[in-house]
């Protein structure tokens, strides 16, 4: 799994983390919250395509990994704060 670290774009992680946090706290229904990983994954791909002005599987993977990493980062901080 360490090879995926090469694909993480920290700007995208930060943006997706902020957007996911806003969505989670504005829309408080569990039905919608389960789609947050999908939303930030798609957002991450879109941002990485926009940043690189190109689309290929490597750029799509980088955006997807970065978007999904933001959900993991949110959960890690949430668990840390609650304990």
PDB file of N, CA and C in Angstrom:
ATOM      1  N   UNK A   1       0.804  -1.200   0.000  1.00  0.00           N
ATOM      2  CA  UNK A   1       0.000   0.000   0.000  1.00  0.00           C
ATOM      3  C   UNK A   1       0.851   1.270   0.000  1.00  0.00           C
ATOM      4  N   UNK A   2       2.128   1.152   0.297  1.00  0.00           N
ATOM      5  CA  UNK A   2       2.974   2.348   0.353  1.00  0.00           C
ATOM      6  C   UNK A   2       3.162   2.991  -1.008  1.00  0.00           C
ATOM      7  N   UNK A   3       3.046   2.230  -2.078  1.00  0.00           N
ATOM      8  CA  UNK A   3       3.201   2.819  -3.407  1.00  0.00           C
ATOM      9  C   UNK A   3       2.097   3.827  -3.703  1.00  0.00           C
ATOM     10  N   UNK A   4       0.968   3.743  -3.002  1.00  0.00           N
ATOM     11  CA  UNK A   4      -0.117   4.705  -3.195  1.00  0.00           C
ATOM     12  C   UNK A   4       0.241   6.081  -2.636  1.00  0.00           C
ATOM     13  N   UNK A   5       1.214   6.139  -1.715  1.00  0.00           N
ATOM     14  CA  UNK A   5       1.643   7.429  -1.173  1.00  0.00           C
ATOM     15  C   UNK A   5       2.198   8.341  -2.255  1.00  0.00           C
ATOM     16  N   UNK A   6       2.730   7.763  -3.327  1.00  0.00           N
ATOM     17  CA  UNK A   6       3.256   8.576  -4.425  1.00  0.00           C
ATOM     18  C   UNK A   6       2.159   9.330  -5.160  1.00  0.00           C
ATOM     19  N   UNK A   7       0.926   8.882  -5.022  1.00  0.00           N
ATOM     20  CA  UNK A   7      -0.186   9.478  -5.744  1.00  0.00           C
ATOM     21  C   UNK A   7      -0.973  10.508  -4.934  1.00  0.00           C
ATOM     22  N   UNK A   8      -0.680  10.660  -3.660  1.00  0.00           N
ATOM     23  CA  UNK A   8      -1.418  11.592  -2.818  1.00  0.00           C
ATOM     24  C   UNK A   8      -0.994  13.026  -3.129  1.00  0.00           C
ATOM     25  N   UNK A   9      -1.963  13.876  -3.380  1.00  0.00           N
ATOM     26  CA  UNK A   9      -1.738  15.300  -3.622  1.00  0.00           C
ATOM     27  C   UNK A   9      -2.347  16.031  -2.428  1.00  0.00           C
ATOM     28  N   UNK A  10      -1.493  16.642  -1.598  1.00  0.00           N
ATOM     29  CA  UNK A  10      -1.954  17.188  -0.332  1.00  0.00           C
ATOM     30  C   UNK A  10      -2.890  18.379  -0.487  1.00  0.00           C
ATOM     31  N   UNK A  11      -2.770  19.128  -1.560  1.00  0.00           N
ATOM     32  CA  UNK A  11      -3.716  20.232  -1.811  1.00  0.00           C
ATOM     33  C   UNK A  11      -5.117  19.670  -2.009  1.00  0.00           C
ATOM     34  N   UNK A  12      -5.212  18.582  -2.751  1.00  0.00           N
ATOM     35  CA  UNK A  12      -6.512  17.961  -3.006  1.00  0.00           C
ATOM     36  C   UNK A  12      -7.059  17.342  -1.722  1.00  0.00           C
ATOM     37  N   UNK A  13      -6.186  16.727  -0.922  1.00  0.00           N
ATOM     38  CA  UNK A  13      -6.624  16.164   0.361  1.00  0.00           C
ATOM     39  C   UNK A  13      -7.235  17.263   1.230  1.00  0.00           C
ATOM     40  N   UNK A  14      -6.577  18.415   1.292  1.00  0.00           N
ATOM     41  CA  UNK A  14      -7.075  19.524   2.104  1.00  0.00           C
ATOM     42  C   UNK A  14      -8.400  20.069   1.613  1.00  0.00           C
ATOM     43  N   UNK A  15      -8.526  20.237   0.314  1.00  0.00           N
ATOM     44  CA  UNK A  15      -9.775  20.753  -0.246  1.00  0.00           C
ATOM     45  C   UNK A  15     -10.917  19.762  -0.027  1.00  0.00           C
ATOM     46  N   UNK A  16     -10.656  18.493  -0.284  1.00  0.00           N
ATOM     47  CA  UNK A  16     -11.694  17.476  -0.102  1.00  0.00           C
ATOM     48  C   UNK A  16     -12.051  17.310   1.369  1.00  0.00           C
ATOM     49  N   UNK A  17     -11.080  17.433   2.240  1.00  0.00           N
ATOM     50  CA  UNK A  17     -11.347  17.364   3.678  1.00  0.00           C
ATOM     51  C   UNK A  17     -12.281  18.493   4.099  1.00  0.00           C
ATOM     52  N   UNK A  18     -12.012  19.700   3.623  1.00  0.00           N
ATOM     53  CA  UNK A  18     -12.856  20.848   3.963  1.00  0.00           C
ATOM     54  C   UNK A  18     -14.266  20.695   3.391  1.00  0.00           C
ATOM     55  N   UNK A  19     -14.377  20.270   2.146  1.00  0.00           N
ATOM     56  CA  UNK A  19     -15.690  20.098   1.521  1.00  0.00           C
ATOM     57  C   UNK A  19     -16.473  18.988   2.225  1.00  0.00           C
ATOM     58  N   UNK A  20     -15.804  17.875   2.514  1.00  0.00           N
ATOM     59  CA  UNK A  20     -16.464  16.782   3.222  1.00  0.00           C
ATOM     60  C   UNK A  20     -16.926  17.191   4.607  1.00  0.00           C
ATOM     61  N   UNK A  21     -16.113  17.974   5.305  1.00  0.00           N
ATOM     62  CA  UNK A  21     -16.478  18.469   6.637  1.00  0.00           C
ATOM     63  C   UNK A  21     -17.701  19.370   6.559  1.00  0.00           C
ATOM     64  N   UNK A  22     -17.725  20.246   5.577  1.00  0.00           N
ATOM     65  CA  UNK A  22     -18.861  21.149   5.406  1.00  0.00           C
ATOM     66  C   UNK A  22     -20.131  20.356   5.109  1.00  0.00           C
ATOM     67  N   UNK A  23     -20.039  19.400   4.204  1.00  0.00           N
ATOM     68  CA  UNK A  23     -21.210  18.588   3.860  1.00  0.00           C
ATOM     69  C   UNK A  23     -21.700  17.821   5.084  1.00  0.00           C
ATOM     70  N   UNK A  24     -20.768  17.229   5.829  1.00  0.00           N
ATOM     71  CA  UNK A  24     -21.135  16.424   7.004  1.00  0.00           C
ATOM     72  C   UNK A  24     -21.843  17.265   8.063  1.00  0.00           C
ATOM     73  N   UNK A  25     -21.432  18.516   8.220  1.00  0.00           N
ATOM     74  CA  UNK A  25     -22.009  19.353   9.264  1.00  0.00           C
ATOM     75  C   UNK A  25     -23.214  20.177   8.817  1.00  0.00           C
ATOM     76  N   UNK A  26     -23.405  20.347   7.533  1.00  0.00           N
ATOM     77  CA  UNK A  26     -24.580  21.077   7.054  1.00  0.00           C
ATOM     78  C   UNK A  26     -25.755  20.129   6.861  1.00  0.00           C
ATOM     79  N   UNK A  27     -25.507  18.992   6.240  1.00  0.00           N
ATOM     80  CA  UNK A  27     -26.556  18.007   5.986  1.00  0.00           C
ATOM     81  C   UNK A  27     -26.352  16.871   6.977  1.00  0.00           C
ATOM     82  N   UNK A  28     -27.192  16.810   7.970  1.00  0.00           N
ATOM     83  CA  UNK A  28     -26.978  15.887   9.086  1.00  0.00           C
ATOM     84  C   UNK A  28     -27.761  14.577   8.969  1.00  0.00           C
ATOM     85  N   UNK A  29     -28.163  14.194   7.781  1.00  0.00           N
ATOM     86  CA  UNK A  29     -28.860  12.922   7.627  1.00  0.00           C
ATOM     87  C   UNK A  29     -27.860  11.821   7.306  1.00  0.00           C
ATOM     88  N   UNK A  30     -28.055  10.668   7.905  1.00  0.00           N
ATOM     89  CA  UNK A  30     -27.148   9.546   7.676  1.00  0.00           C
ATOM     90  C   UNK A  30     -27.238   9.015   6.258  1.00  0.00           C
ATOM     91  N   UNK A  31     -28.392   9.168   5.640  1.00  0.00           N
ATOM     92  CA  UNK A  31     -28.557   8.688   4.271  1.00  0.00           C
ATOM     93  C   UNK A  31     -27.615   9.434   3.331  1.00  0.00           C
ATOM     94  N   UNK A  32     -27.508  10.743   3.493  1.00  0.00           N
ATOM     95  CA  UNK A  32     -26.641  11.538   2.627  1.00  0.00           C
ATOM     96  C   UNK A  32     -25.174  11.393   3.011  1.00  0.00           C
ATOM     97  N   UNK A  33     -24.889  11.257   4.301  1.00  0.00           N
ATOM     98  CA  UNK A  33     -23.507  11.177   4.762  1.00  0.00           C
ATOM     99  C   UNK A  33     -22.772   9.956   4.235  1.00  0.00           C
ATOM    100  N   UNK A  34     -23.487   8.908   3.897  1.00  0.00           N
ATOM    101  CA  UNK A  34     -22.802   7.723   3.383  1.00  0.00           C
ATOM    102  C   UNK A  34     -22.271   7.928   1.968  1.00  0.00           C
ATOM    103  N   UNK A  35     -22.709   9.006   1.307  1.00  0.00           N
ATOM    104  CA  UNK A  35     -22.220   9.318  -0.035  1.00  0.00           C
ATOM    105  C   UNK A  35     -21.034  10.279  -0.033  1.00  0.00           C
ATOM    106  N   UNK A  36     -20.607  10.728   1.129  1.00  0.00           N
ATOM    107  CA  UNK A  36     -19.490  11.672   1.194  1.00  0.00           C
ATOM    108  C   UNK A  36     -18.209  11.097   0.584  1.00  0.00           C
ATOM    109  N   UNK A  37     -17.844   9.833   0.834  1.00  0.00           N
ATOM    110  CA  UNK A  37     -16.646   9.303   0.155  1.00  0.00           C
ATOM    111  C   UNK A  37     -16.757   9.333  -1.369  1.00  0.00           C
ATOM    112  N   UNK A  38     -17.938   9.059  -1.891  1.00  0.00           N
ATOM    113  CA  UNK A  38     -18.144   9.133  -3.334  1.00  0.00           C
ATOM    114  C   UNK A  38     -17.973  10.564  -3.833  1.00  0.00           C
ATOM    115  N   UNK A  39     -18.546  11.513  -3.112  1.00  0.00           N
ATOM    116  CA  UNK A  39     -18.472  12.923  -3.503  1.00  0.00           C
ATOM    117  C   UNK A  39     -17.028  13.404  -3.505  1.00  0.00           C
ATOM    118  N   UNK A  40     -16.296  13.133  -2.415  1.00  0.00           N
ATOM    119  CA  UNK A  40     -14.912  13.633  -2.356  1.00  0.00           C
ATOM    120  C   UNK A  40     -13.996  12.859  -3.299  1.00  0.00           C
ATOM    121  N   UNK A  41     -14.324  11.610  -3.601  1.00  0.00           N
ATOM    122  CA  UNK A  41     -13.543  10.866  -4.592  1.00  0.00           C
ATOM    123  C   UNK A  41     -13.683  11.480  -5.978  1.00  0.00           C
ATOM    124  N   UNK A  42     -14.908  11.784  -6.364  1.00  0.00           N
ATOM    125  CA  UNK A  42     -15.150  12.419  -7.666  1.00  0.00           C
ATOM    126  C   UNK A  42     -14.553  13.828  -7.687  1.00  0.00           C
ATOM    127  N   UNK A  43     -14.707  14.552  -6.589  1.00  0.00           N
ATOM    128  CA  UNK A  43     -14.128  15.890  -6.492  1.00  0.00           C
ATOM    129  C   UNK A  43     -12.604  15.822  -6.621  1.00  0.00           C
ATOM    130  N   UNK A  44     -11.988  14.832  -5.983  1.00  0.00           N
ATOM    131  CA  UNK A  44     -10.535  14.675  -6.064  1.00  0.00           C
ATOM    132  C   UNK A  44     -10.068  14.414  -7.486  1.00  0.00           C
ATOM    133  N   UNK A  45     -10.787  13.572  -8.201  1.00  0.00           N
ATOM    134  CA  UNK A  45     -10.440  13.302  -9.604  1.00  0.00           C
ATOM    135  C   UNK A  45     -10.580  14.578 -10.426  1.00  0.00           C
ATOM    136  N   UNK A  46     -11.695  15.288 -10.236  1.00  0.00           N
ATOM    137  CA  UNK A  46     -11.901  16.533 -10.981  1.00  0.00           C
ATOM    138  C   UNK A  46     -10.830  17.569 -10.696  1.00  0.00           C
ATOM    139  N   UNK A  47     -10.459  17.708  -9.438  1.00  0.00           N
ATOM    140  CA  UNK A  47      -9.418  18.678  -9.083  1.00  0.00           C
ATOM    141  C   UNK A  47      -8.067  18.291  -9.665  1.00  0.00           C
ATOM    142  N   UNK A  48      -7.731  16.999  -9.627  1.00  0.00           N
ATOM    143  CA  UNK A  48      -6.436  16.571 -10.155  1.00  0.00           C
ATOM    144  C   UNK A  48      -6.374  16.725 -11.675  1.00  0.00           C
ATOM    145  N   UNK A  49      -7.486  16.471 -12.354  1.00  0.00           N
ATOM    146  CA  UNK A  49      -7.530  16.707 -13.803  1.00  0.00           C
ATOM    147  C   UNK A  49      -7.364  18.192 -14.087  1.00  0.00           C
ATOM    148  N   UNK A  50      -8.017  19.039 -13.291  1.00  0.00           N
ATOM    149  CA  UNK A  50      -7.920  20.489 -13.477  1.00  0.00           C
ATOM    150  C   UNK A  50      -6.498  20.986 -13.196  1.00  0.00           C
ATOM    151  N   UNK A  51      -5.880  20.496 -12.132  1.00  0.00           N
ATOM    152  CA  UNK A  51      -4.526  20.925 -11.785  1.00  0.00           C
ATOM    153  C   UNK A  51      -3.533  20.533 -12.875  1.00  0.00           C
ATOM    154  N   UNK A  52      -3.656  19.322 -13.392  1.00  0.00           N
ATOM    155  CA  UNK A  52      -2.691  18.816 -14.377  1.00  0.00           C
ATOM    156  C   UNK A  52      -3.068  19.138 -15.820  1.00  0.00           C
ATOM    157  N   UNK A  53      -4.285  19.610 -16.044  1.00  0.00           N
ATOM    158  CA  UNK A  53      -4.780  19.907 -17.398  1.00  0.00           C
ATOM    159  C   UNK A  53      -4.572  18.727 -18.346  1.00  0.00           C
ATOM    160  N   UNK A  54      -4.795  17.551 -17.793  1.00  0.00           N
ATOM    161  CA  UNK A  54      -4.616  16.323 -18.559  1.00  0.00           C
ATOM    162  C   UNK A  54      -5.457  15.253 -17.881  1.00  0.00           C
ATOM    163  N   UNK A  55      -5.783  14.213 -18.610  1.00  0.00           N
ATOM    164  CA  UNK A  55      -6.494  13.089 -18.006  1.00  0.00           C
ATOM    165  C   UNK A  55      -5.857  11.798 -18.492  1.00  0.00           C
ATOM    166  N   UNK A  56      -5.468  10.988 -17.538  1.00  0.00           N
ATOM    167  CA  UNK A  56      -4.976   9.647 -17.799  1.00  0.00           C
ATOM    168  C   UNK A  56      -5.205   8.826 -16.534  1.00  0.00           C
ATOM    169  N   UNK A  57      -5.014   7.539 -16.586  1.00  0.00           N
ATOM    170  CA  UNK A  57      -5.300   6.715 -15.406  1.00  0.00           C
ATOM    171  C   UNK A  57      -4.491   7.103 -14.163  1.00  0.00           C
ATOM    172  N   UNK A  58      -3.264   7.532 -14.340  1.00  0.00           N
ATOM    173  CA  UNK A  58      -2.435   7.928 -13.200  1.00  0.00           C
ATOM    174  C   UNK A  58      -2.988   9.178 -12.510  1.00  0.00           C
ATOM    175  N   UNK A  59      -3.441  10.131 -13.278  1.00  0.00           N
ATOM    176  CA  UNK A  59      -4.025  11.348 -12.719  1.00  0.00           C
ATOM    177  C   UNK A  59      -5.363  11.028 -12.049  1.00  0.00           C
ATOM    178  N   UNK A  60      -6.135  10.155 -12.654  1.00  0.00           N
ATOM    179  CA  UNK A  60      -7.406   9.757 -12.038  1.00  0.00           C
ATOM    180  C   UNK A  60      -7.158   9.032 -10.718  1.00  0.00           C
ATOM    181  N   UNK A  61      -6.162   8.150 -10.694  1.00  0.00           N
ATOM    182  CA  UNK A  61      -5.838   7.438  -9.460  1.00  0.00           C
ATOM    183  C   UNK A  61      -5.363   8.401  -8.374  1.00  0.00           C
ATOM    184  N   UNK A  62      -4.533   9.362  -8.742  1.00  0.00           N
ATOM    185  CA  UNK A  62      -4.055  10.351  -7.769  1.00  0.00           C
ATOM    186  C   UNK A  62      -5.187  11.162  -7.165  1.00  0.00           C
ATOM    187  N   UNK A  63      -6.124  11.564  -7.984  1.00  0.00           N
ATOM    188  CA  UNK A  63      -7.265  12.324  -7.482  1.00  0.00           C
ATOM    189  C   UNK A  63      -8.172  11.484  -6.602  1.00  0.00           C
ATOM    190  N   UNK A  64      -8.397  10.249  -7.020  1.00  0.00           N
ATOM    191  CA  UNK A  64      -9.262   9.368  -6.241  1.00  0.00           C
ATOM    192  C   UNK A  64      -8.634   9.015  -4.896  1.00  0.00           C
ATOM    193  N   UNK A  65      -7.360   8.684  -4.901  1.00  0.00           N
ATOM    194  CA  UNK A  65      -6.656   8.362  -3.653  1.00  0.00           C
ATOM    195  C   UNK A  65      -6.640   9.582  -2.729  1.00  0.00           C
ATOM    196  N   UNK A  66      -6.406  10.754  -3.278  1.00  0.00           N
ATOM    197  CA  UNK A  66      -6.361  11.970  -2.459  1.00  0.00           C
ATOM    198  C   UNK A  66      -7.727  12.288  -1.866  1.00  0.00           C
ATOM    199  N   UNK A  67      -8.774  12.154  -2.661  1.00  0.00           N
ATOM    200  CA  UNK A  67     -10.123  12.405  -2.155  1.00  0.00           C
ATOM    201  C   UNK A  67     -10.511  11.431  -1.064  1.00  0.00           C
ATOM    202  N   UNK A  68     -10.226  10.163  -1.263  1.00  0.00           N
ATOM    203  CA  UNK A  68     -10.575   9.163  -0.261  1.00  0.00           C
ATOM    204  C   UNK A  68      -9.685   9.258   0.971  1.00  0.00           C
ATOM    205  N   UNK A  69      -8.454   9.715   0.784  1.00  0.00           N
ATOM    206  CA  UNK A  69      -7.575   9.915   1.946  1.00  0.00           C
ATOM    207  C   UNK A  69      -8.135  10.988   2.866  1.00  0.00           C
ATOM    208  N   UNK A  70      -8.857  11.945   2.305  1.00  0.00           N
ATOM    209  CA  UNK A  70      -9.438  12.998   3.140  1.00  0.00           C
ATOM    210  C   UNK A  70     -10.497  12.429   4.082  1.00  0.00           C
ATOM    211  N   UNK A  71     -11.246  11.419   3.643  1.00  0.00           N
ATOM    212  CA  UNK A  71     -12.236  10.815   4.538  1.00  0.00           C
ATOM    213  C   UNK A  71     -11.546  10.045   5.650  1.00  0.00           C
ATOM    214  N   UNK A  72     -10.463   9.361   5.332  1.00  0.00           N
ATOM    215  CA  UNK A  72      -9.704   8.659   6.363  1.00  0.00           C
ATOM    216  C   UNK A  72      -9.072   9.611   7.349  1.00  0.00           C
ATOM    217  N   UNK A  73      -8.576  10.730   6.847  1.00  0.00           N
ATOM    218  CA  UNK A  73      -7.975  11.737   7.722  1.00  0.00           C
ATOM    219  C   UNK A  73      -9.027  12.346   8.645  1.00  0.00           C
ATOM    220  N   UNK A  74     -10.214  12.599   8.125  1.00  0.00           N
ATOM    221  CA  UNK A  74     -11.299  13.129   8.950  1.00  0.00           C
ATOM    222  C   UNK A  74     -11.647  12.142  10.058  1.00  0.00           C
ATOM    223  N   UNK A  75     -11.791  10.889   9.699  1.00  0.00           N
ATOM    224  CA  UNK A  75     -12.148   9.875  10.698  1.00  0.00           C
ATOM    225  C   UNK A  75     -11.064   9.723  11.759  1.00  0.00           C
ATOM    226  N   UNK A  76      -9.799   9.791  11.354  1.00  0.00           N
ATOM    227  CA  UNK A  76      -8.700   9.674  12.326  1.00  0.00           C
ATOM    228  C   UNK A  76      -8.736  10.832  13.325  1.00  0.00           C
ATOM    229  N   UNK A  77      -8.917  12.053  12.842  1.00  0.00           N
ATOM    230  CA  UNK A  77      -9.002  13.203  13.732  1.00  0.00           C
ATOM    231  C   UNK A  77     -10.252  13.131  14.610  1.00  0.00           C
ATOM    232  N   UNK A  78     -11.350  12.692  14.038  1.00  0.00           N
ATOM    233  CA  UNK A  78     -12.596  12.575  14.787  1.00  0.00           C
ATOM    234  C   UNK A  78     -12.451  11.571  15.932  1.00  0.00           C
ATOM    235  N   UNK A  79     -11.832  10.446  15.671  1.00  0.00           N
ATOM    236  CA  UNK A  79     -11.595   9.442  16.713  1.00  0.00           C
ATOM    237  C   UNK A  79     -10.629   9.955  17.764  1.00  0.00           C
ATOM    238  N   UNK A  80      -9.607  10.670  17.337  1.00  0.00           N
ATOM    239  CA  UNK A  80      -8.597  11.212  18.260  1.00  0.00           C
ATOM    240  C   UNK A  80      -9.214  12.242  19.202  1.00  0.00           C
ATOM    241  N   UNK A  81     -10.072  13.104  18.662  1.00  0.00           N
ATOM    242  CA  UNK A  81     -10.694  14.150  19.456  1.00  0.00           C
ATOM    243  C   UNK A  81     -11.701  13.564  20.445  1.00  0.00           C
ATOM    244  N   UNK A  82     -12.454  12.559  20.021  1.00  0.00           N
ATOM    245  CA  UNK A  82     -13.480  11.965  20.885  1.00  0.00           C
ATOM    246  C   UNK A  82     -12.912  11.089  21.985  1.00  0.00           C
ATOM    247  N   UNK A  83     -11.671  10.635  21.873  1.00  0.00           N
ATOM    248  CA  UNK A  83     -11.099   9.775  22.908  1.00  0.00           C
ATOM    249  C   UNK A  83     -10.293  10.518  23.880  1.00  0.00           C
TER     250      UNK A  83
END
